[in-house]
C-alpha cells in the first residue's frame, strides 16, 4: 500500500493543490508454471477539478525465465473521464491497453 501527496498543483491542473493518490498492489506466486499474478488498484483524487479524479487497475502475469530475464503480460485500464484526459492531439490517455514486457536484470 502506498500513499502519494501533491502539495502543489497536479498534472498542470489549476488549483489542484493537496491532491493525492493511493495505490494497492500485490504479487502472488501461483502454483503452476512458475507464474506470478500481479494485481494493482489505485485512486487519484484531484482536488478542486471536477471530473479529474479516477481509479486505475492492472491485472497481469509474470514469468521468471532464469538468467535475470522475466516476461510479463498485463491488462491495464482506468475510468478516467474522456473529456478531461484527452490530449491536444485528440488521443484519450485513459484508454485500456495490454502491455507485454521482457526484462533483463543486471
N, C-alpha and C. Protein backbone atom coordinates (compact mmCIF):
# COMPACT_ATOMS: atom_id res chain seq x y z
N UNK A 1 0.86 -1.17 0.00
CA UNK A 1 0.00 0.00 0.00
C UNK A 1 0.90 1.23 0.00
N UNK A 2 0.60 2.15 -0.87
CA UNK A 2 1.40 3.38 -0.98
C UNK A 2 0.46 4.58 -1.08
N UNK A 3 0.85 5.67 -0.45
CA UNK A 3 0.09 6.91 -0.49
C UNK A 3 1.02 8.01 -0.99
N UNK A 4 0.57 8.76 -1.97
CA UNK A 4 1.36 9.88 -2.50
C UNK A 4 0.53 11.15 -2.36
N UNK A 5 1.20 12.25 -2.05
CA UNK A 5 0.54 13.52 -1.79
C UNK A 5 1.21 14.61 -2.61
N UNK A 6 0.41 15.50 -3.20
CA UNK A 6 0.93 16.60 -4.01
C UNK A 6 0.64 17.93 -3.33
N UNK A 7 1.63 18.55 -2.68
CA UNK A 7 1.41 19.83 -2.02
C UNK A 7 1.26 20.99 -3.02
N UNK A 8 1.62 20.74 -4.29
CA UNK A 8 1.50 21.76 -5.33
C UNK A 8 0.50 21.27 -6.38
N UNK A 9 0.25 22.07 -7.40
CA UNK A 9 -0.69 21.68 -8.44
C UNK A 9 -0.26 20.38 -9.10
N UNK A 10 -1.24 19.58 -9.49
CA UNK A 10 -1.02 18.25 -10.03
C UNK A 10 -1.31 18.22 -11.52
N UNK A 11 -0.42 17.62 -12.30
CA UNK A 11 -0.63 17.41 -13.75
C UNK A 11 -0.95 18.72 -14.48
N UNK A 12 -0.56 19.84 -13.95
CA UNK A 12 -0.87 21.11 -14.60
C UNK A 12 -2.29 21.59 -14.38
N UNK A 13 -3.06 20.88 -13.55
CA UNK A 13 -4.42 21.33 -13.25
C UNK A 13 -4.35 22.52 -12.30
N UNK A 14 -4.99 23.61 -12.68
CA UNK A 14 -5.01 24.81 -11.85
C UNK A 14 -5.75 24.52 -10.54
N UNK A 15 -5.22 25.02 -9.45
CA UNK A 15 -5.83 24.92 -8.12
C UNK A 15 -6.10 23.47 -7.70
N UNK A 16 -5.13 22.59 -7.96
CA UNK A 16 -5.28 21.18 -7.58
C UNK A 16 -4.34 20.79 -6.43
N UNK A 17 -3.86 21.78 -5.70
CA UNK A 17 -3.00 21.50 -4.54
C UNK A 17 -3.70 20.55 -3.58
N UNK A 18 -2.91 19.76 -2.87
CA UNK A 18 -3.40 18.80 -1.88
C UNK A 18 -4.09 17.59 -2.50
N UNK A 19 -3.81 17.30 -3.76
CA UNK A 19 -4.32 16.09 -4.38
C UNK A 19 -3.54 14.90 -3.85
N UNK A 20 -4.08 13.70 -4.03
CA UNK A 20 -3.41 12.51 -3.51
C UNK A 20 -3.70 11.30 -4.39
N UNK A 21 -2.88 10.27 -4.19
CA UNK A 21 -3.03 9.00 -4.91
C UNK A 21 -2.74 7.87 -3.93
N UNK A 22 -3.63 6.88 -3.90
CA UNK A 22 -3.40 5.70 -3.08
C UNK A 22 -3.32 4.49 -4.02
N UNK A 23 -2.37 3.61 -3.73
CA UNK A 23 -2.02 2.51 -4.62
C UNK A 23 -1.90 1.23 -3.79
N UNK A 24 -2.67 0.23 -4.16
CA UNK A 24 -2.58 -1.07 -3.51
C UNK A 24 -2.16 -2.08 -4.56
N UNK A 25 -1.05 -2.78 -4.32
CA UNK A 25 -0.53 -3.74 -5.28
C UNK A 25 -0.15 -5.04 -4.58
N UNK A 26 -0.26 -6.13 -5.32
CA UNK A 26 0.12 -7.44 -4.78
C UNK A 26 0.70 -8.29 -5.90
N UNK A 27 1.74 -9.05 -5.56
CA UNK A 27 2.33 -10.04 -6.45
C UNK A 27 2.22 -11.38 -5.75
N UNK A 28 1.41 -12.28 -6.33
CA UNK A 28 1.09 -13.54 -5.68
C UNK A 28 1.65 -14.70 -6.51
N UNK A 29 2.62 -15.44 -5.95
CA UNK A 29 3.14 -16.61 -6.68
C UNK A 29 2.03 -17.65 -6.87
N UNK A 30 1.93 -18.16 -8.08
CA UNK A 30 0.94 -19.18 -8.38
C UNK A 30 1.60 -20.56 -8.32
N UNK A 31 0.82 -21.59 -8.21
CA UNK A 31 1.33 -22.95 -8.04
C UNK A 31 1.63 -23.66 -9.35
N UNK A 32 1.55 -22.97 -10.48
CA UNK A 32 1.80 -23.64 -11.75
C UNK A 32 2.64 -22.78 -12.68
N UNK A 33 3.47 -23.42 -13.47
CA UNK A 33 4.32 -22.82 -14.50
C UNK A 33 5.25 -21.73 -14.00
N UNK A 34 5.40 -21.60 -12.68
CA UNK A 34 6.27 -20.58 -12.13
C UNK A 34 5.78 -19.16 -12.37
N UNK A 35 4.48 -19.00 -12.48
CA UNK A 35 3.89 -17.68 -12.75
C UNK A 35 3.62 -16.92 -11.46
N UNK A 36 3.62 -15.61 -11.59
CA UNK A 36 3.23 -14.72 -10.50
C UNK A 36 2.08 -13.85 -10.99
N UNK A 37 1.01 -13.80 -10.21
CA UNK A 37 -0.13 -12.93 -10.51
C UNK A 37 0.19 -11.53 -10.00
N UNK A 38 0.04 -10.53 -10.86
CA UNK A 38 0.27 -9.13 -10.50
C UNK A 38 -1.07 -8.40 -10.50
N UNK A 39 -1.42 -7.79 -9.38
CA UNK A 39 -2.68 -7.06 -9.28
C UNK A 39 -2.42 -5.69 -8.68
N UNK A 40 -3.15 -4.71 -9.17
CA UNK A 40 -2.98 -3.33 -8.70
C UNK A 40 -4.32 -2.62 -8.82
N UNK A 41 -4.62 -1.77 -7.86
CA UNK A 41 -5.72 -0.81 -7.97
C UNK A 41 -5.25 0.48 -7.32
N UNK A 42 -5.56 1.59 -7.96
CA UNK A 42 -5.16 2.89 -7.43
C UNK A 42 -6.28 3.90 -7.63
N UNK A 43 -6.27 4.94 -6.80
CA UNK A 43 -7.24 6.02 -6.96
C UNK A 43 -6.53 7.36 -6.86
N UNK A 44 -6.71 8.18 -7.89
CA UNK A 44 -6.16 9.54 -7.93
C UNK A 44 -7.27 10.52 -7.61
N UNK A 45 -7.12 11.26 -6.53
CA UNK A 45 -8.06 12.32 -6.17
C UNK A 45 -7.44 13.64 -6.57
N UNK A 46 -8.07 14.33 -7.51
CA UNK A 46 -7.59 15.64 -7.95
C UNK A 46 -8.50 16.68 -7.30
N UNK A 47 -7.92 17.45 -6.39
CA UNK A 47 -8.70 18.45 -5.64
C UNK A 47 -9.18 19.58 -6.55
N UNK A 48 -10.40 20.02 -6.33
CA UNK A 48 -10.96 21.23 -6.94
C UNK A 48 -11.07 21.19 -8.46
N UNK A 49 -10.99 20.01 -9.07
CA UNK A 49 -11.12 19.90 -10.52
C UNK A 49 -12.21 18.86 -10.81
N UNK A 50 -13.37 19.35 -11.20
CA UNK A 50 -14.50 18.45 -11.45
C UNK A 50 -14.13 17.40 -12.49
N UNK A 51 -14.46 16.16 -12.22
CA UNK A 51 -14.29 15.02 -13.13
C UNK A 51 -12.85 14.61 -13.40
N UNK A 52 -11.87 15.15 -12.69
CA UNK A 52 -10.47 14.77 -12.96
C UNK A 52 -10.01 13.58 -12.12
N UNK A 53 -10.72 13.25 -11.05
CA UNK A 53 -10.33 12.09 -10.24
C UNK A 53 -10.68 10.81 -10.99
N UNK A 54 -9.89 9.75 -10.75
CA UNK A 54 -10.11 8.49 -11.45
C UNK A 54 -9.55 7.32 -10.65
N UNK A 55 -9.98 6.12 -11.04
CA UNK A 55 -9.44 4.89 -10.49
C UNK A 55 -8.77 4.13 -11.63
N UNK A 56 -7.63 3.51 -11.35
CA UNK A 56 -6.94 2.70 -12.35
C UNK A 56 -6.66 1.32 -11.77
N UNK A 57 -6.48 0.33 -12.66
CA UNK A 57 -6.23 -1.03 -12.20
C UNK A 57 -5.39 -1.78 -13.22
N UNK A 58 -4.75 -2.84 -12.74
CA UNK A 58 -3.92 -3.71 -13.58
C UNK A 58 -4.08 -5.13 -13.10
N UNK A 59 -4.12 -6.05 -14.05
CA UNK A 59 -4.12 -7.47 -13.75
C UNK A 59 -3.18 -8.13 -14.74
N UNK A 60 -2.19 -8.87 -14.23
CA UNK A 60 -1.21 -9.44 -15.13
C UNK A 60 -0.54 -10.68 -14.58
N UNK A 61 0.33 -11.24 -15.40
CA UNK A 61 1.12 -12.41 -15.05
C UNK A 61 2.58 -12.15 -15.38
N UNK A 62 3.47 -12.63 -14.52
CA UNK A 62 4.91 -12.54 -14.75
C UNK A 62 5.51 -13.93 -14.66
N UNK A 63 6.49 -14.20 -15.53
CA UNK A 63 7.18 -15.49 -15.55
C UNK A 63 8.68 -15.23 -15.46
N UNK A 64 9.32 -15.83 -14.46
CA UNK A 64 10.78 -15.77 -14.34
C UNK A 64 11.36 -16.76 -15.34
N UNK A 65 12.16 -16.25 -16.29
CA UNK A 65 12.74 -17.08 -17.34
C UNK A 65 14.14 -17.56 -17.01
N UNK A 66 14.69 -17.13 -15.88
CA UNK A 66 16.04 -17.51 -15.48
C UNK A 66 17.09 -16.58 -16.08
N UNK A 67 18.30 -16.65 -15.56
CA UNK A 67 19.43 -15.83 -16.03
C UNK A 67 19.11 -14.34 -16.02
N UNK A 68 18.26 -13.90 -15.09
CA UNK A 68 17.94 -12.48 -14.96
C UNK A 68 16.84 -11.99 -15.88
N UNK A 69 16.25 -12.87 -16.67
CA UNK A 69 15.18 -12.49 -17.60
C UNK A 69 13.82 -12.80 -16.99
N UNK A 70 12.85 -11.94 -17.29
CA UNK A 70 11.46 -12.22 -16.95
C UNK A 70 10.57 -11.65 -18.05
N UNK A 71 9.40 -12.26 -18.20
CA UNK A 71 8.42 -11.81 -19.18
C UNK A 71 7.12 -11.53 -18.43
N UNK A 72 6.40 -10.53 -18.89
CA UNK A 72 5.14 -10.18 -18.24
C UNK A 72 4.10 -9.77 -19.28
N UNK A 73 2.85 -10.02 -18.93
CA UNK A 73 1.73 -9.62 -19.75
C UNK A 73 0.68 -9.05 -18.80
N UNK A 74 0.16 -7.85 -19.11
CA UNK A 74 -0.78 -7.20 -18.19
C UNK A 74 -1.86 -6.46 -18.95
N UNK A 75 -3.05 -6.44 -18.36
CA UNK A 75 -4.17 -5.64 -18.83
C UNK A 75 -4.27 -4.45 -17.87
N UNK A 76 -4.31 -3.24 -18.42
CA UNK A 76 -4.35 -2.01 -17.63
C UNK A 76 -5.52 -1.17 -18.11
N UNK A 77 -6.28 -0.62 -17.15
CA UNK A 77 -7.45 0.18 -17.53
C UNK A 77 -7.70 1.25 -16.46
N UNK A 78 -8.62 2.14 -16.76
CA UNK A 78 -8.97 3.24 -15.88
C UNK A 78 -10.38 3.71 -16.18
N UNK A 79 -10.96 4.44 -15.26
CA UNK A 79 -12.26 5.05 -15.51
C UNK A 79 -12.13 6.56 -15.68
N UNK A 80 -10.94 7.03 -16.07
CA UNK A 80 -10.71 8.47 -16.27
C UNK A 80 -11.67 9.02 -17.33
N UNK A 81 -12.19 10.19 -17.07
CA UNK A 81 -13.15 10.82 -17.96
C UNK A 81 -12.49 11.24 -19.27
N UNK A 82 -13.09 10.82 -20.37
CA UNK A 82 -12.56 11.11 -21.71
C UNK A 82 -12.40 12.62 -21.92
N UNK A 83 -13.37 13.41 -21.47
CA UNK A 83 -13.32 14.86 -21.68
C UNK A 83 -12.18 15.54 -20.95
N UNK A 84 -11.69 14.93 -19.87
CA UNK A 84 -10.61 15.52 -19.08
C UNK A 84 -9.25 15.00 -19.53
N UNK A 85 -9.19 13.72 -19.89
CA UNK A 85 -7.90 13.08 -20.18
C UNK A 85 -7.69 12.78 -21.67
N UNK A 86 -8.18 13.68 -22.53
CA UNK A 86 -7.87 13.63 -23.96
C UNK A 86 -6.86 14.74 -24.23
N UNK A 87 -5.73 14.37 -24.85
CA UNK A 87 -4.67 15.37 -25.07
C UNK A 87 -4.99 16.26 -26.26
N UNK A 88 -4.12 17.21 -26.52
CA UNK A 88 -4.36 18.19 -27.58
C UNK A 88 -4.34 17.56 -28.97
N UNK A 89 -3.81 16.36 -29.11
CA UNK A 89 -3.83 15.63 -30.38
C UNK A 89 -5.10 14.80 -30.55
N UNK A 90 -6.00 14.86 -29.56
CA UNK A 90 -7.25 14.12 -29.62
C UNK A 90 -7.16 12.68 -29.12
N UNK A 91 -6.04 12.33 -28.49
CA UNK A 91 -5.85 10.95 -28.00
C UNK A 91 -6.31 10.85 -26.55
N UNK A 92 -7.18 9.89 -26.28
CA UNK A 92 -7.67 9.63 -24.92
C UNK A 92 -6.58 8.88 -24.16
N UNK A 93 -6.08 9.48 -23.08
CA UNK A 93 -4.94 8.94 -22.34
C UNK A 93 -5.34 7.90 -21.29
N UNK A 94 -6.64 7.68 -21.08
CA UNK A 94 -7.10 6.71 -20.10
C UNK A 94 -7.57 5.41 -20.71
N UNK A 95 -7.24 5.19 -21.96
CA UNK A 95 -7.69 4.03 -22.72
C UNK A 95 -7.10 2.73 -22.18
N UNK A 96 -7.91 1.68 -22.16
CA UNK A 96 -7.44 0.35 -21.74
C UNK A 96 -6.37 -0.14 -22.71
N UNK A 97 -5.42 -0.91 -22.17
CA UNK A 97 -4.35 -1.42 -23.01
C UNK A 97 -3.81 -2.73 -22.45
N UNK A 98 -3.14 -3.47 -23.29
CA UNK A 98 -2.41 -4.67 -22.89
C UNK A 98 -0.94 -4.39 -23.12
N UNK A 99 -0.12 -4.72 -22.11
CA UNK A 99 1.32 -4.45 -22.19
C UNK A 99 2.08 -5.76 -22.01
N UNK A 100 2.99 -6.03 -22.94
CA UNK A 100 3.88 -7.20 -22.83
C UNK A 100 5.30 -6.68 -22.65
N UNK A 101 6.04 -7.25 -21.71
CA UNK A 101 7.40 -6.80 -21.48
C UNK A 101 8.35 -7.99 -21.34
N UNK A 102 9.58 -7.76 -21.73
CA UNK A 102 10.68 -8.68 -21.50
C UNK A 102 11.76 -7.87 -20.78
N UNK A 103 12.15 -8.32 -19.60
CA UNK A 103 13.06 -7.55 -18.74
C UNK A 103 14.31 -8.37 -18.45
N UNK A 104 15.45 -7.70 -18.45
CA UNK A 104 16.72 -8.31 -18.06
C UNK A 104 17.27 -7.54 -16.87
N UNK A 105 17.52 -8.24 -15.76
CA UNK A 105 18.11 -7.63 -14.59
C UNK A 105 19.62 -7.90 -14.59
N UNK A 106 20.40 -6.84 -14.39
CA UNK A 106 21.87 -6.97 -14.40
C UNK A 106 22.40 -6.96 -12.98
